[in-house]
Amino acid sequence: MLRNKRHIMIAISLQSGSNGNCVYVECGSTRLLVDAGISGLAAQRRLERHGRDIRAVTAVLISHDHRDHIGCAGVYSRKFNLPIHASPATIDAARRIRLGRIDTLGAFTPGDTLHFGDLAVETIPTPHDAADGAAFVVTDGHRRLGILTDLGHVFDGLAHTVSTLDAVFLESNYDDDMLRTGPYPWPLQQRIRGPRGHISNRESADLLHTAASPRLRWAVLSHLSEQNNHPHIALETHREIVSSHLPLHVASRYDASEMFTV
């Protein structure tokens, strides 16, 4: 049972994109990192700017085995003594990256609910082209924060998950026109558009429009492509479709976001 429902939940995107991903979530005495795709030094310094100590993190959750999400997990373990939680298939698939030693490793299967102090984390299987991908909903038993990226496509059940959220980091990877006319070869374009790739600005906007409930306080558009998207295009597409009452933000590929509260 969760201990305290009165704490404010805090969330910070430390970086988001194919060059590295990491999200910080805090509630009461519980502090989580979702993904370890940026260097330990970058994570440490960006948290310090927000008055947070990376060594106080309770656990690191890994969504899948791609380098931009797991590449620095070994560093987080060895340098900061943080426990890493991932599925066994994710760890096996990531051996090609040479993560190095991980001193404390917790295993979960996507679909499990994990418990860390003041927070529970619902893990949601995704069809992204990873060994055993997961998205996450973090809850204190009252408020619910979604960290929903690398989704593959808008799969069954995703709209229901969004309808339950108070806030969300939501994938908005590419603009259709930029991908079609950009530098990526056709097979790579097909992989990105395909059922195991990423969701577009318009798919993200349609999902928010159809599924978000009045309880949703804000959405942070995340995992934007460097070559096939731009923050103002992502925001413009969403503003054409999503209610003007919903605050929208974009997670940077290069730095930490502001501190969001739920």
C-alpha atoms as a PDB file:
ATOM      1  CA  MET A   1       0.000   0.000   0.000  1.00  0.00           C
ATOM      2  CA  LEU A   2       1.270   3.491  -0.853  1.00  0.00           C
ATOM      3  CA  ARG A   3       2.130   5.471   2.226  1.00  0.00           C
ATOM      4  CA  ASN A   4       1.245   9.075   1.497  1.00  0.00           C
ATOM      5  CA  LYS A   5      -1.056  10.640  -1.079  1.00  0.00           C
ATOM      6  CA  ARG A   6      -0.442  14.238  -0.056  1.00  0.00           C
ATOM      7  CA  HIS A   7       3.018  14.788  -1.525  1.00  0.00           C
ATOM      8  CA  ILE A   8       3.453  16.757  -4.723  1.00  0.00           C
ATOM      9  CA  MET A   9       4.754  14.653  -7.585  1.00  0.00           C
ATOM     10  CA  ILE A  10       7.642  16.294  -9.451  1.00  0.00           C
ATOM     11  CA  ALA A  11       8.853  15.383 -12.945  1.00  0.00           C
ATOM     12  CA  ILE A  12      11.799  16.620 -15.015  1.00  0.00           C
ATOM     13  CA  SER A  13      12.874  15.515 -18.473  1.00  0.00           C
ATOM     14  CA  LEU A  14      16.679  15.478 -18.314  1.00  0.00           C
ATOM     15  CA  GLN A  15      16.896  14.814 -22.069  1.00  0.00           C
ATOM     16  CA  SER A  16      14.664  13.274 -24.722  1.00  0.00           C
ATOM     17  CA  GLY A  17      15.458  11.981 -28.187  1.00  0.00           C
ATOM     18  CA  SER A  18      17.524   9.472 -30.116  1.00  0.00           C
ATOM     19  CA  ASN A  19      20.672  11.037 -28.605  1.00  0.00           C
ATOM     20  CA  GLY A  20      19.628  10.021 -25.085  1.00  0.00           C
ATOM     21  CA  ASN A  21      16.663   9.759 -22.729  1.00  0.00           C
ATOM     22  CA  CYS A  22      16.184  10.180 -18.991  1.00  0.00           C
ATOM     23  CA  VAL A  23      13.216  11.349 -16.894  1.00  0.00           C
ATOM     24  CA  TYR A  24      13.297  12.136 -13.165  1.00  0.00           C
ATOM     25  CA  VAL A  25      10.206  11.586 -10.995  1.00  0.00           C
ATOM     26  CA  GLU A  26       9.947  12.429  -7.296  1.00  0.00           C
ATOM     27  CA  CYS A  27       7.203  12.017  -4.714  1.00  0.00           C
ATOM     28  CA  GLY A  28       7.825  12.225  -0.997  1.00  0.00           C
ATOM     29  CA  SER A  29      11.044  10.370  -0.230  1.00  0.00           C
ATOM     30  CA  THR A  30      10.930   8.319  -3.435  1.00  0.00           C
ATOM     31  CA  ARG A  31      13.001   9.382  -6.440  1.00  0.00           C
ATOM     32  CA  LEU A  32      13.057   7.500  -9.731  1.00  0.00           C
ATOM     33  CA  LEU A  33      14.924   7.789 -13.004  1.00  0.00           C
ATOM     34  CA  VAL A  34      13.266   6.377 -16.090  1.00  0.00           C
ATOM     35  CA  ASP A  35      15.977   5.334 -18.562  1.00  0.00           C
ATOM     36  CA  ALA A  36      19.711   5.891 -18.475  1.00  0.00           C
ATOM     37  CA  GLY A  37      20.526   7.092 -21.970  1.00  0.00           C
ATOM     38  CA  ILE A  38      22.553  10.181 -21.033  1.00  0.00           C
ATOM     39  CA  SER A  39      25.926  10.290 -19.331  1.00  0.00           C
ATOM     40  CA  GLY A  40      26.121  10.074 -15.574  1.00  0.00           C
ATOM     41  CA  LEU A  41      27.788  13.488 -15.471  1.00  0.00           C
ATOM     42  CA  ALA A  42      25.016  15.103 -17.539  1.00  0.00           C
ATOM     43  CA  ALA A  43      22.310  13.556 -15.364  1.00  0.00           C
ATOM     44  CA  GLN A  44      24.120  14.583 -12.188  1.00  0.00           C
ATOM     45  CA  ARG A  45      24.646  18.207 -13.259  1.00  0.00           C
ATOM     46  CA  ARG A  46      21.137  18.678 -14.623  1.00  0.00           C
ATOM     47  CA  LEU A  47      19.606  17.348 -11.426  1.00  0.00           C
ATOM     48  CA  GLU A  48      21.894  19.581  -9.363  1.00  0.00           C
ATOM     49  CA  ARG A  49      20.565  22.614 -11.231  1.00  0.00           C
ATOM     50  CA  HIS A  50      17.146  21.634  -9.888  1.00  0.00           C
ATOM     51  CA  GLY A  51      18.515  21.094  -6.387  1.00  0.00           C
ATOM     52  CA  ARG A  52      18.453  17.292  -6.626  1.00  0.00           C
ATOM     53  CA  ASP A  53      21.192  14.751  -5.848  1.00  0.00           C
ATOM     54  CA  ILE A  54      21.429  11.813  -8.218  1.00  0.00           C
ATOM     55  CA  ARG A  55      22.822   9.653  -5.416  1.00  0.00           C
ATOM     56  CA  ALA A  56      19.477   9.963  -3.611  1.00  0.00           C
ATOM     57  CA  VAL A  57      17.636   8.209  -6.465  1.00  0.00           C
ATOM     58  CA  THR A  58      15.720   5.152  -5.286  1.00  0.00           C
ATOM     59  CA  ALA A  59      15.814   3.173  -8.545  1.00  0.00           C
ATOM     60  CA  VAL A  60      16.432   3.439 -12.284  1.00  0.00           C
ATOM     61  CA  LEU A  61      13.820   1.887 -14.592  1.00  0.00           C
ATOM     62  CA  ILE A  62      14.848   0.878 -18.112  1.00  0.00           C
ATOM     63  CA  SER A  63      12.207   0.893 -20.830  1.00  0.00           C
ATOM     64  CA  HIS A  64      14.104  -1.124 -23.461  1.00  0.00           C
ATOM     65  CA  ASP A  65      17.473  -2.154 -24.835  1.00  0.00           C
ATOM     66  CA  HIS A  66      18.217   0.638 -27.328  1.00  0.00           C
ATOM     67  CA  ARG A  67      21.381   2.585 -26.523  1.00  0.00           C
ATOM     68  CA  ASP A  68      19.588   5.925 -26.100  1.00  0.00           C
ATOM     69  CA  HIS A  69      17.664   4.418 -23.174  1.00  0.00           C
ATOM     70  CA  ILE A  70      20.075   1.978 -21.523  1.00  0.00           C
ATOM     71  CA  GLY A  71      23.560   2.944 -22.708  1.00  0.00           C
ATOM     72  CA  CYS A  72      24.757   4.441 -19.398  1.00  0.00           C
ATOM     73  CA  ALA A  73      22.972   2.097 -16.986  1.00  0.00           C
ATOM     74  CA  GLY A  74      26.241   0.516 -15.907  1.00  0.00           C
ATOM     75  CA  VAL A  75      27.692   3.927 -15.080  1.00  0.00           C
ATOM     76  CA  TYR A  76      24.638   4.853 -13.002  1.00  0.00           C
ATOM     77  CA  SER A  77      25.073   1.607 -11.094  1.00  0.00           C
ATOM     78  CA  ARG A  78      28.829   1.807 -10.496  1.00  0.00           C
ATOM     79  CA  LYS A  79      29.321   5.557 -10.055  1.00  0.00           C
ATOM     80  CA  PHE A  80      26.177   6.414  -8.107  1.00  0.00           C
ATOM     81  CA  ASN A  81      25.326   3.004  -6.596  1.00  0.00           C
ATOM     82  CA  LEU A  82      21.828   3.047  -8.104  1.00  0.00           C
ATOM     83  CA  PRO A  83      19.776  -0.145  -8.515  1.00  0.00           C
ATOM     84  CA  ILE A  84      18.789  -0.809 -12.122  1.00  0.00           C
ATOM     85  CA  HIS A  85      15.415  -2.388 -12.938  1.00  0.00           C
ATOM     86  CA  ALA A  86      14.854  -3.926 -16.375  1.00  0.00           C
ATOM     87  CA  SER A  87      13.407  -7.032 -17.939  1.00  0.00           C
ATOM     88  CA  PRO A  88      15.831  -9.968 -18.341  1.00  0.00           C
ATOM     89  CA  ALA A  89      15.327  -9.889 -22.113  1.00  0.00           C
ATOM     90  CA  THR A  90      16.264  -6.192 -22.148  1.00  0.00           C
ATOM     91  CA  ILE A  91      19.496  -6.855 -20.265  1.00  0.00           C
ATOM     92  CA  ASP A  92      20.347  -9.803 -22.515  1.00  0.00           C
ATOM     93  CA  ALA A  93      19.734  -7.758 -25.664  1.00  0.00           C
ATOM     94  CA  ALA A  94      21.809  -4.860 -24.316  1.00  0.00           C
ATOM     95  CA  ARG A  95      24.940  -6.985 -23.898  1.00  0.00           C
ATOM     96  CA  ARG A  96      25.992  -5.842 -27.364  1.00  0.00           C
ATOM     97  CA  ILE A  97      26.354  -2.320 -25.927  1.00  0.00           C
ATOM     98  CA  ARG A  98      28.854  -3.441 -23.274  1.00  0.00           C
ATOM     99  CA  LEU A  99      27.135  -1.850 -20.320  1.00  0.00           C
ATOM    100  CA  GLY A 100      29.808  -3.007 -17.928  1.00  0.00           C
ATOM    101  CA  ARG A 101      29.119  -4.226 -14.428  1.00  0.00           C
ATOM    102  CA  ILE A 102      25.686  -3.611 -12.901  1.00  0.00           C
ATOM    103  CA  ASP A 103      25.927  -4.199  -9.177  1.00  0.00           C
ATOM    104  CA  THR A 104      22.222  -4.268  -8.258  1.00  0.00           C
ATOM    105  CA  LEU A 105      19.753  -5.484 -10.862  1.00  0.00           C
ATOM    106  CA  GLY A 106      16.020  -5.909 -10.345  1.00  0.00           C
ATOM    107  CA  ALA A 107      13.997  -7.853 -12.904  1.00  0.00           C
ATOM    108  CA  PHE A 108      10.463  -7.178 -14.092  1.00  0.00           C
ATOM    109  CA  THR A 109       8.250  -8.373 -16.902  1.00  0.00           C
ATOM    110  CA  PRO A 110       6.341  -5.692 -18.829  1.00  0.00           C
ATOM    111  CA  GLY A 111       2.844  -5.813 -17.396  1.00  0.00           C
ATOM    112  CA  ASP A 112       4.100  -5.981 -13.801  1.00  0.00           C
ATOM    113  CA  THR A 113       3.422  -3.293 -11.210  1.00  0.00           C
ATOM    114  CA  LEU A 114       6.526  -2.294  -9.232  1.00  0.00           C
ATOM    115  CA  HIS A 115       6.553  -0.636  -5.815  1.00  0.00           C
ATOM    116  CA  PHE A 116       9.094   1.887  -4.569  1.00  0.00           C
ATOM    117  CA  GLY A 117       8.227   3.676  -1.318  1.00  0.00           C
ATOM    118  CA  ASP A 118       5.645   6.372  -2.050  1.00  0.00           C
ATOM    119  CA  LEU A 119       5.207   5.293  -5.672  1.00  0.00           C
ATOM    120  CA  ALA A 120       3.968   2.399  -7.743  1.00  0.00           C
ATOM    121  CA  VAL A 121       4.999   1.965 -11.363  1.00  0.00           C
ATOM    122  CA  GLU A 122       2.729   0.198 -13.838  1.00  0.00           C
ATOM    123  CA  THR A 123       4.792  -1.257 -16.677  1.00  0.00           C
ATOM    124  CA  ILE A 124       3.036  -1.492 -20.040  1.00  0.00           C
ATOM    125  CA  PRO A 125       4.280  -3.756 -22.856  1.00  0.00           C
ATOM    126  CA  THR A 126       4.904  -1.891 -26.115  1.00  0.00           C
ATOM    127  CA  PRO A 127       5.263  -3.133 -29.711  1.00  0.00           C
ATOM    128  CA  HIS A 128       8.362  -0.976 -30.373  1.00  0.00           C
ATOM    129  CA  ASP A 129      11.203  -2.820 -32.147  1.00  0.00           C
ATOM    130  CA  ALA A 130      13.033  -3.711 -28.966  1.00  0.00           C
ATOM    131  CA  ALA A 131      13.558  -7.027 -27.210  1.00  0.00           C
ATOM    132  CA  ASP A 132      10.966  -6.429 -24.485  1.00  0.00           C
ATOM    133  CA  GLY A 133       9.865  -2.789 -24.463  1.00  0.00           C
ATOM    134  CA  ALA A 134       7.823  -1.075 -21.770  1.00  0.00           C
ATOM    135  CA  ALA A 135       6.164   2.255 -21.141  1.00  0.00           C
ATOM    136  CA  PHE A 136       5.376   3.416 -17.619  1.00  0.00           C
ATOM    137  CA  VAL A 137       2.658   4.968 -15.481  1.00  0.00           C
ATOM    138  CA  VAL A 138       3.923   6.294 -12.146  1.00  0.00           C
ATOM    139  CA  THR A 139       1.326   6.775  -9.412  1.00  0.00           C
ATOM    140  CA  ASP A 140       1.133   7.699  -5.749  1.00  0.00           C
ATOM    141  CA  GLY A 141      -2.292   6.054  -5.551  1.00  0.00           C
ATOM    142  CA  HIS A 142      -4.059   9.273  -6.510  1.00  0.00           C
ATOM    143  CA  ARG A 143      -2.151  11.076  -9.252  1.00  0.00           C
ATOM    144  CA  ARG A 144      -0.935   9.309 -12.387  1.00  0.00           C
ATOM    145  CA  LEU A 145       1.990  10.329 -14.603  1.00  0.00           C
ATOM    146  CA  GLY A 146       2.560   8.598 -17.936  1.00  0.00           C
ATOM    147  CA  ILE A 147       5.986   8.195 -19.535  1.00  0.00           C
ATOM    148  CA  LEU A 148       4.917   6.919 -22.933  1.00  0.00           C
ATOM    149  CA  THR A 149       7.595   6.906 -25.633  1.00  0.00           C
ATOM    150  CA  ASP A 150       8.994   4.436 -28.188  1.00  0.00           C
ATOM    151  CA  LEU A 151       5.493   3.083 -28.566  1.00  0.00           C
ATOM    152  CA  GLY A 152       5.636   1.382 -31.965  1.00  0.00           C
ATOM    153  CA  HIS A 153       2.100   2.467 -32.817  1.00  0.00           C
ATOM    154  CA  VAL A 154      -1.099   3.487 -31.050  1.00  0.00           C
ATOM    155  CA  PHE A 155      -1.718  -0.010 -29.753  1.00  0.00           C
ATOM    156  CA  ASP A 156      -4.842  -1.413 -28.104  1.00  0.00           C
ATOM    157  CA  GLY A 157      -5.242  -0.117 -24.577  1.00  0.00           C
ATOM    158  CA  LEU A 158      -3.055   2.959 -25.046  1.00  0.00           C
ATOM    159  CA  ALA A 159      -6.026   5.329 -25.311  1.00  0.00           C
ATOM    160  CA  HIS A 160      -7.468   3.920 -22.096  1.00  0.00           C
ATOM    161  CA  THR A 161      -4.137   4.448 -20.338  1.00  0.00           C
ATOM    162  CA  VAL A 162      -4.020   8.079 -21.502  1.00  0.00           C
ATOM    163  CA  SER A 163      -7.587   8.606 -20.279  1.00  0.00           C
ATOM    164  CA  THR A 164      -6.475   7.775 -16.715  1.00  0.00           C
ATOM    165  CA  LEU A 165      -3.557  10.225 -16.555  1.00  0.00           C
ATOM    166  CA  ASP A 166      -3.039  13.527 -14.764  1.00  0.00           C
ATOM    167  CA  ALA A 167       0.083  14.328 -16.800  1.00  0.00           C
ATOM    168  CA  VAL A 168       2.086  12.694 -19.583  1.00  0.00           C
ATOM    169  CA  PHE A 169       5.398  12.637 -21.403  1.00  0.00           C
ATOM    170  CA  LEU A 170       4.136  11.457 -24.801  1.00  0.00           C
ATOM    171  CA  GLU A 171       6.075  10.453 -27.876  1.00  0.00           C
ATOM    172  CA  SER A 172       5.715  12.840 -30.816  1.00  0.00           C
ATOM    173  CA  ASN A 173       8.566  11.606 -32.940  1.00  0.00           C
ATOM    174  CA  TYR A 174       8.165  12.836 -36.493  1.00  0.00           C
ATOM    175  CA  ASP A 175       6.313  15.107 -38.874  1.00  0.00           C
ATOM    176  CA  ASP A 176       4.893  13.150 -41.815  1.00  0.00           C
ATOM    177  CA  ASP A 177       5.999  15.650 -44.470  1.00  0.00           C
ATOM    178  CA  MET A 178       9.500  16.089 -43.034  1.00  0.00           C
ATOM    179  CA  LEU A 179      10.015  12.332 -42.901  1.00  0.00           C
ATOM    180  CA  ARG A 180       8.743  11.830 -46.447  1.00  0.00           C
ATOM    181  CA  THR A 181      10.927  14.580 -47.960  1.00  0.00           C
ATOM    182  CA  GLY A 182      13.914  14.256 -45.629  1.00  0.00           C
ATOM    183  CA  PRO A 183      17.263  12.457 -45.925  1.00  0.00           C
ATOM    184  CA  TYR A 184      16.229   9.052 -44.561  1.00  0.00           C
ATOM    185  CA  PRO A 185      16.202   6.180 -47.093  1.00  0.00           C
ATOM    186  CA  TRP A 186      12.863   4.533 -47.822  1.00  0.00           C
ATOM    187  CA  PRO A 187      13.462   1.381 -45.706  1.00  0.00           C
ATOM    188  CA  LEU A 188      14.268   3.519 -42.658  1.00  0.00           C
ATOM    189  CA  GLN A 189      11.192   5.673 -43.278  1.00  0.00           C
ATOM    190  CA  GLN A 190       9.110   2.510 -43.395  1.00  0.00           C
ATOM    191  CA  ARG A 191      10.625   1.285 -40.139  1.00  0.00           C
ATOM    192  CA  ILE A 192       9.792   4.579 -38.406  1.00  0.00           C
ATOM    193  CA  ARG A 193       6.226   4.669 -39.743  1.00  0.00           C
ATOM    194  CA  GLY A 194       5.679   0.971 -39.210  1.00  0.00           C
ATOM    195  CA  PRO A 195       3.944  -0.832 -36.351  1.00  0.00           C
ATOM    196  CA  ARG A 196       7.206  -1.267 -34.414  1.00  0.00           C
ATOM    197  CA  GLY A 197       8.600   2.219 -34.978  1.00  0.00           C
ATOM    198  CA  HIS A 198       7.432   5.544 -33.577  1.00  0.00           C
ATOM    199  CA  ILE A 199       4.277   7.622 -33.512  1.00  0.00           C
ATOM    200  CA  SER A 200       4.026  10.907 -35.391  1.00  0.00           C
ATOM    201  CA  ASN A 201       2.977  14.381 -34.299  1.00  0.00           C
ATOM    202  CA  ARG A 202      -0.465  13.818 -35.735  1.00  0.00           C
ATOM    203  CA  GLU A 203      -0.913  10.408 -34.135  1.00  0.00           C
ATOM    204  CA  SER A 204       0.142  11.876 -30.797  1.00  0.00           C
ATOM    205  CA  ALA A 205      -2.243  14.804 -31.200  1.00  0.00           C
ATOM    206  CA  ASP A 206      -5.129  12.549 -32.233  1.00  0.00           C
ATOM    207  CA  LEU A 207      -4.467  10.347 -29.210  1.00  0.00           C
ATOM    208  CA  LEU A 208      -4.604  13.310 -26.837  1.00  0.00           C
ATOM    209  CA  HIS A 209      -7.698  14.695 -28.550  1.00  0.00           C
ATOM    210  CA  THR A 210      -9.659  11.466 -28.361  1.00  0.00           C
ATOM    211  CA  ALA A 211      -8.379   9.953 -25.113  1.00  0.00           C
ATOM    212  CA  ALA A 212      -7.317  12.688 -22.688  1.00  0.00           C
ATOM    213  CA  SER A 213      -9.800  13.341 -19.899  1.00  0.00           C
ATOM    214  CA  PRO A 214     -10.379  16.671 -18.119  1.00  0.00           C
ATOM    215  CA  ARG A 215      -8.020  15.491 -15.363  1.00  0.00           C
ATOM    216  CA  LEU A 216      -4.986  15.784 -17.693  1.00  0.00           C
ATOM    217  CA  ARG A 217      -3.040  18.835 -16.472  1.00  0.00           C
ATOM    218  CA  TRP A 218      -0.224  18.956 -19.021  1.00  0.00           C
ATOM    219  CA  ALA A 219       1.508  17.025 -21.777  1.00  0.00           C
ATOM    220  CA  VAL A 220       5.194  17.122 -22.701  1.00  0.00           C
ATOM    221  CA  LEU A 221       5.837  16.136 -26.311  1.00  0.00           C
ATOM    222  CA  SER A 222       8.839  13.835 -26.215  1.00  0.00           C
ATOM    223  CA  HIS A 223      11.385  11.893 -28.265  1.00  0.00           C
ATOM    224  CA  LEU A 224      11.276  14.356 -31.189  1.00  0.00           C
ATOM    225  CA  SER A 225      13.413  13.371 -34.176  1.00  0.00           C
ATOM    226  CA  GLU A 226      16.297  15.693 -34.989  1.00  0.00           C
ATOM    227  CA  GLN A 227      15.982  15.150 -38.745  1.00  0.00           C
ATOM    228  CA  ASN A 228      12.233  14.695 -39.140  1.00  0.00           C
ATOM    229  CA  ASN A 229      10.641  17.076 -36.657  1.00  0.00           C
ATOM    230  CA  HIS A 230      10.950  20.471 -35.022  1.00  0.00           C
ATOM    231  CA  PRO A 231       9.493  21.702 -31.723  1.00  0.00           C
ATOM    232  CA  HIS A 232       7.379  24.414 -33.327  1.00  0.00           C
ATOM    233  CA  ILE A 233       5.966  21.952 -35.886  1.00  0.00           C
ATOM    234  CA  ALA A 234       5.103  19.437 -33.171  1.00  0.00           C
ATOM    235  CA  LEU A 235       3.375  22.132 -31.123  1.00  0.00           C
ATOM    236  CA  GLU A 236       1.578  23.577 -34.148  1.00  0.00           C
ATOM    237  CA  THR A 237       0.228  20.155 -35.147  1.00  0.00           C
ATOM    238  CA  HIS A 238      -1.038  19.521 -31.632  1.00  0.00           C
ATOM    239  CA  ARG A 239      -2.597  22.957 -31.338  1.00  0.00           C
ATOM    240  CA  GLU A 240      -4.615  22.285 -34.508  1.00  0.00           C
ATOM    241  CA  ILE A 241      -6.190  19.229 -32.864  1.00  0.00           C
ATOM    242  CA  VAL A 242      -5.867  19.353 -29.074  1.00  0.00           C
ATOM    243  CA  SER A 243      -7.915  21.565 -26.772  1.00  0.00           C
ATOM    244  CA  SER A 244      -6.348  24.980 -26.253  1.00  0.00           C
ATOM    245  CA  HIS A 245      -6.928  24.531 -22.532  1.00  0.00           C
ATOM    246  CA  LEU A 246      -4.314  21.778 -22.263  1.00  0.00           C
ATOM    247  CA  PRO A 247      -0.793  23.126 -21.526  1.00  0.00           C
ATOM    248  CA  LEU A 248       1.700  21.663 -23.996  1.00  0.00           C
ATOM    249  CA  HIS A 249       5.496  21.600 -23.718  1.00  0.00           C
ATOM    250  CA  VAL A 250       8.348  20.036 -25.695  1.00  0.00           C
ATOM    251  CA  ALA A 251      11.148  18.016 -24.092  1.00  0.00           C
ATOM    252  CA  SER A 252      14.572  19.143 -25.280  1.00  0.00           C
ATOM    253  CA  ARG A 253      17.017  16.848 -27.038  1.00  0.00           C
ATOM    254  CA  TYR A 254      19.892  18.737 -25.431  1.00  0.00           C
ATOM    255  CA  ASP A 255      19.041  19.814 -21.887  1.00  0.00           C
ATOM    256  CA  ALA A 256      16.750  19.439 -18.909  1.00  0.00           C
ATOM    257  CA  SER A 257      13.216  20.768 -18.876  1.00  0.00           C
ATOM    258  CA  GLU A 258      11.632  22.912 -16.241  1.00  0.00           C
ATOM    259  CA  MET A 259      10.353  21.177 -13.135  1.00  0.00           C
ATOM    260  CA  PHE A 260       6.773  20.019 -13.690  1.00  0.00           C
ATOM    261  CA  THR A 261       4.364  19.209 -10.884  1.00  0.00           C
ATOM    262  CA  VAL A 262       1.428  16.839 -10.861  1.00  0.00           C
END
